Amino acid sequence: MKKSYKIEVDCANCANKMEEAAKKTEGVKDAVVNFMALKMNVEFEEGVDYKAVMQNVLKNCKKVEDDCEIFL
């Protein structure tokens, strides 16, 4: 399953950090952050609870960029 989320981030480098953190989150198959569009596209592993996975993605992103936001 793929879903798209609106994000808030200050710079392209921060967006790259968010993308890497999202990709390393368990349950995420792939993630792409588009800084210009302020969007994060996430592809989830089969059979996962995507809402719970996205809570973990947000936590992991906050670790690398504490003022970022993902609108779940």
N, C-alpha and C. Protein backbone atom coordinates (compact mmCIF):
# COMPACT_ATOMS: atom_id res chain seq x y z
N MET A 1 0.84 -1.16 0.00
CA MET A 1 0.00 0.00 0.00
C MET A 1 0.89 1.23 0.00
N LYS A 2 0.48 2.25 -0.76
CA LYS A 2 1.20 3.52 -0.80
C LYS A 2 0.29 4.62 -0.29
N LYS A 3 0.86 5.53 0.48
CA LYS A 3 0.12 6.69 0.96
C LYS A 3 1.00 7.93 0.85
N SER A 4 0.36 9.07 0.74
CA SER A 4 1.06 10.34 0.64
C SER A 4 0.69 11.20 1.84
N TYR A 5 1.68 11.88 2.41
CA TYR A 5 1.48 12.71 3.59
C TYR A 5 2.05 14.10 3.36
N LYS A 6 1.35 15.11 3.85
CA LYS A 6 1.85 16.48 3.82
C LYS A 6 2.86 16.60 4.95
N ILE A 7 3.97 17.26 4.66
CA ILE A 7 5.01 17.44 5.68
C ILE A 7 5.37 18.92 5.79
N GLU A 8 6.05 19.23 6.87
CA GLU A 8 6.60 20.58 7.07
C GLU A 8 8.05 20.40 7.46
N VAL A 9 8.93 20.98 6.64
CA VAL A 9 10.37 20.86 6.89
C VAL A 9 11.05 22.12 6.33
N ASP A 10 12.16 22.53 6.95
CA ASP A 10 12.77 23.82 6.64
C ASP A 10 13.71 23.83 5.43
N CYS A 11 14.39 22.73 5.18
CA CYS A 11 15.38 22.76 4.09
C CYS A 11 15.48 21.41 3.40
N ALA A 12 16.09 21.41 2.23
CA ALA A 12 16.23 20.18 1.45
C ALA A 12 17.08 19.14 2.17
N ASN A 13 18.12 19.58 2.85
CA ASN A 13 18.97 18.66 3.60
C ASN A 13 18.18 17.96 4.70
N CYS A 14 17.32 18.73 5.38
CA CYS A 14 16.47 18.16 6.43
C CYS A 14 15.49 17.16 5.83
N ALA A 15 14.97 17.46 4.65
CA ALA A 15 14.06 16.55 3.96
C ALA A 15 14.77 15.24 3.64
N ASN A 16 16.04 15.31 3.24
CA ASN A 16 16.81 14.09 2.98
C ASN A 16 16.99 13.26 4.24
N LYS A 17 17.22 13.93 5.37
CA LYS A 17 17.35 13.22 6.64
C LYS A 17 16.04 12.52 7.00
N MET A 18 14.93 13.21 6.75
CA MET A 18 13.61 12.61 7.02
C MET A 18 13.39 11.37 6.15
N GLU A 19 13.77 11.48 4.89
CA GLU A 19 13.59 10.36 3.96
C GLU A 19 14.39 9.15 4.43
N GLU A 20 15.64 9.36 4.81
CA GLU A 20 16.48 8.26 5.29
C GLU A 20 15.91 7.64 6.56
N ALA A 21 15.43 8.48 7.49
CA ALA A 21 14.85 7.96 8.73
C ALA A 21 13.60 7.14 8.44
N ALA A 22 12.78 7.61 7.51
CA ALA A 22 11.56 6.89 7.16
C ALA A 22 11.88 5.54 6.55
N LYS A 23 12.88 5.51 5.66
CA LYS A 23 13.25 4.26 4.99
C LYS A 23 13.75 3.20 5.97
N LYS A 24 14.34 3.65 7.07
CA LYS A 24 14.90 2.71 8.06
C LYS A 24 13.85 2.21 9.05
N THR A 25 12.64 2.75 8.98
CA THR A 25 11.58 2.37 9.92
C THR A 25 10.99 1.02 9.55
N GLU A 26 10.83 0.16 10.55
CA GLU A 26 10.25 -1.16 10.31
C GLU A 26 8.83 -1.02 9.77
N GLY A 27 8.54 -1.78 8.72
CA GLY A 27 7.21 -1.73 8.11
C GLY A 27 7.16 -0.87 6.86
N VAL A 28 8.22 -0.08 6.63
CA VAL A 28 8.28 0.80 5.45
C VAL A 28 9.09 0.09 4.37
N LYS A 29 8.49 -0.08 3.22
CA LYS A 29 9.18 -0.69 2.08
C LYS A 29 10.03 0.36 1.37
N ASP A 30 9.45 1.56 1.18
CA ASP A 30 10.17 2.66 0.53
C ASP A 30 9.53 3.98 0.95
N ALA A 31 10.32 5.04 0.92
CA ALA A 31 9.82 6.38 1.24
C ALA A 31 10.55 7.39 0.37
N VAL A 32 9.80 8.37 -0.11
CA VAL A 32 10.38 9.44 -0.92
C VAL A 32 9.82 10.77 -0.39
N VAL A 33 10.72 11.69 -0.09
CA VAL A 33 10.33 13.02 0.37
C VAL A 33 10.59 14.01 -0.76
N ASN A 34 9.56 14.77 -1.09
CA ASN A 34 9.69 15.83 -2.09
C ASN A 34 9.66 17.16 -1.34
N PHE A 35 10.84 17.77 -1.22
CA PHE A 35 10.94 19.02 -0.46
C PHE A 35 10.14 20.15 -1.10
N MET A 36 10.18 20.26 -2.42
CA MET A 36 9.48 21.36 -3.10
C MET A 36 7.97 21.26 -2.92
N ALA A 37 7.44 20.04 -2.95
CA ALA A 37 5.99 19.84 -2.81
C ALA A 37 5.57 19.67 -1.34
N LEU A 38 6.56 19.55 -0.44
CA LEU A 38 6.31 19.27 0.98
C LEU A 38 5.42 18.04 1.14
N LYS A 39 5.84 16.95 0.49
CA LYS A 39 5.09 15.69 0.55
C LYS A 39 6.05 14.54 0.84
N MET A 40 5.52 13.55 1.54
CA MET A 40 6.24 12.30 1.77
C MET A 40 5.37 11.18 1.23
N ASN A 41 5.91 10.41 0.29
CA ASN A 41 5.20 9.25 -0.23
C ASN A 41 5.82 8.01 0.40
N VAL A 42 4.97 7.20 1.02
CA VAL A 42 5.44 6.03 1.75
C VAL A 42 4.79 4.78 1.18
N GLU A 43 5.62 3.77 0.91
CA GLU A 43 5.12 2.46 0.51
C GLU A 43 5.35 1.52 1.69
N PHE A 44 4.28 0.86 2.13
CA PHE A 44 4.33 0.01 3.32
C PHE A 44 4.52 -1.46 2.96
N GLU A 45 5.12 -2.21 3.88
CA GLU A 45 5.22 -3.66 3.73
C GLU A 45 3.80 -4.24 3.77
N GLU A 46 3.65 -5.44 3.19
CA GLU A 46 2.34 -6.10 3.19
C GLU A 46 1.89 -6.42 4.62
N GLY A 47 0.62 -6.16 4.91
CA GLY A 47 0.00 -6.59 6.15
C GLY A 47 0.34 -5.80 7.40
N VAL A 48 1.00 -4.65 7.27
CA VAL A 48 1.33 -3.86 8.47
C VAL A 48 0.20 -2.87 8.76
N ASP A 49 0.13 -2.45 10.01
CA ASP A 49 -0.80 -1.39 10.40
C ASP A 49 -0.12 -0.06 10.06
N TYR A 50 -0.52 0.52 8.93
CA TYR A 50 0.20 1.71 8.43
C TYR A 50 0.12 2.89 9.39
N LYS A 51 -0.96 2.98 10.17
CA LYS A 51 -1.07 4.09 11.13
C LYS A 51 -0.01 3.96 12.23
N ALA A 52 0.18 2.76 12.71
CA ALA A 52 1.21 2.52 13.74
C ALA A 52 2.60 2.73 13.15
N VAL A 53 2.81 2.27 11.93
CA VAL A 53 4.11 2.46 11.28
C VAL A 53 4.41 3.95 11.13
N MET A 54 3.41 4.73 10.73
CA MET A 54 3.63 6.17 10.54
C MET A 54 3.92 6.89 11.86
N GLN A 55 3.39 6.39 12.96
CA GLN A 55 3.75 6.97 14.27
C GLN A 55 5.25 6.77 14.52
N ASN A 56 5.75 5.59 14.15
CA ASN A 56 7.18 5.30 14.31
C ASN A 56 8.01 6.12 13.33
N VAL A 57 7.51 6.31 12.11
CA VAL A 57 8.21 7.15 11.13
C VAL A 57 8.35 8.56 11.69
N LEU A 58 7.26 9.10 12.24
CA LEU A 58 7.30 10.46 12.81
C LEU A 58 8.32 10.53 13.94
N LYS A 59 8.33 9.53 14.84
CA LYS A 59 9.30 9.52 15.95
C LYS A 59 10.72 9.51 15.41
N ASN A 60 10.97 8.65 14.41
CA ASN A 60 12.32 8.55 13.84
C ASN A 60 12.74 9.83 13.13
N CYS A 61 11.81 10.46 12.45
CA CYS A 61 12.12 11.73 11.78
C CYS A 61 12.42 12.83 12.80
N LYS A 62 11.68 12.83 13.90
CA LYS A 62 11.90 13.84 14.95
C LYS A 62 13.28 13.68 15.58
N LYS A 63 13.81 12.44 15.58
CA LYS A 63 15.15 12.21 16.14
C LYS A 63 16.22 12.90 15.31
N VAL A 64 16.05 12.91 13.99
CA VAL A 64 17.07 13.50 13.12
C VAL A 64 16.78 14.96 12.79
N GLU A 65 15.52 15.37 12.88
CA GLU A 65 15.14 16.75 12.57
C GLU A 65 13.96 17.12 13.48
N ASP A 66 14.29 17.66 14.67
CA ASP A 66 13.26 17.81 15.70
C ASP A 66 12.14 18.80 15.39
N ASP A 67 12.35 19.71 14.42
CA ASP A 67 11.27 20.65 14.13
C ASP A 67 10.48 20.29 12.86
N CYS A 68 10.64 19.06 12.38
CA CYS A 68 9.87 18.63 11.22
C CYS A 68 8.47 18.20 11.67
N GLU A 69 7.56 18.08 10.73
CA GLU A 69 6.21 17.63 11.03
C GLU A 69 5.69 16.80 9.88
N ILE A 70 4.95 15.74 10.23
CA ILE A 70 4.24 14.92 9.25
C ILE A 70 2.77 14.97 9.66
N PHE A 71 1.93 15.40 8.76
CA PHE A 71 0.51 15.53 9.08
C PHE A 71 -0.17 14.20 8.77
N LEU A 72 -0.39 13.40 9.84
CA LEU A 72 -0.93 12.05 9.70
C LEU A 72 -2.44 12.05 9.56
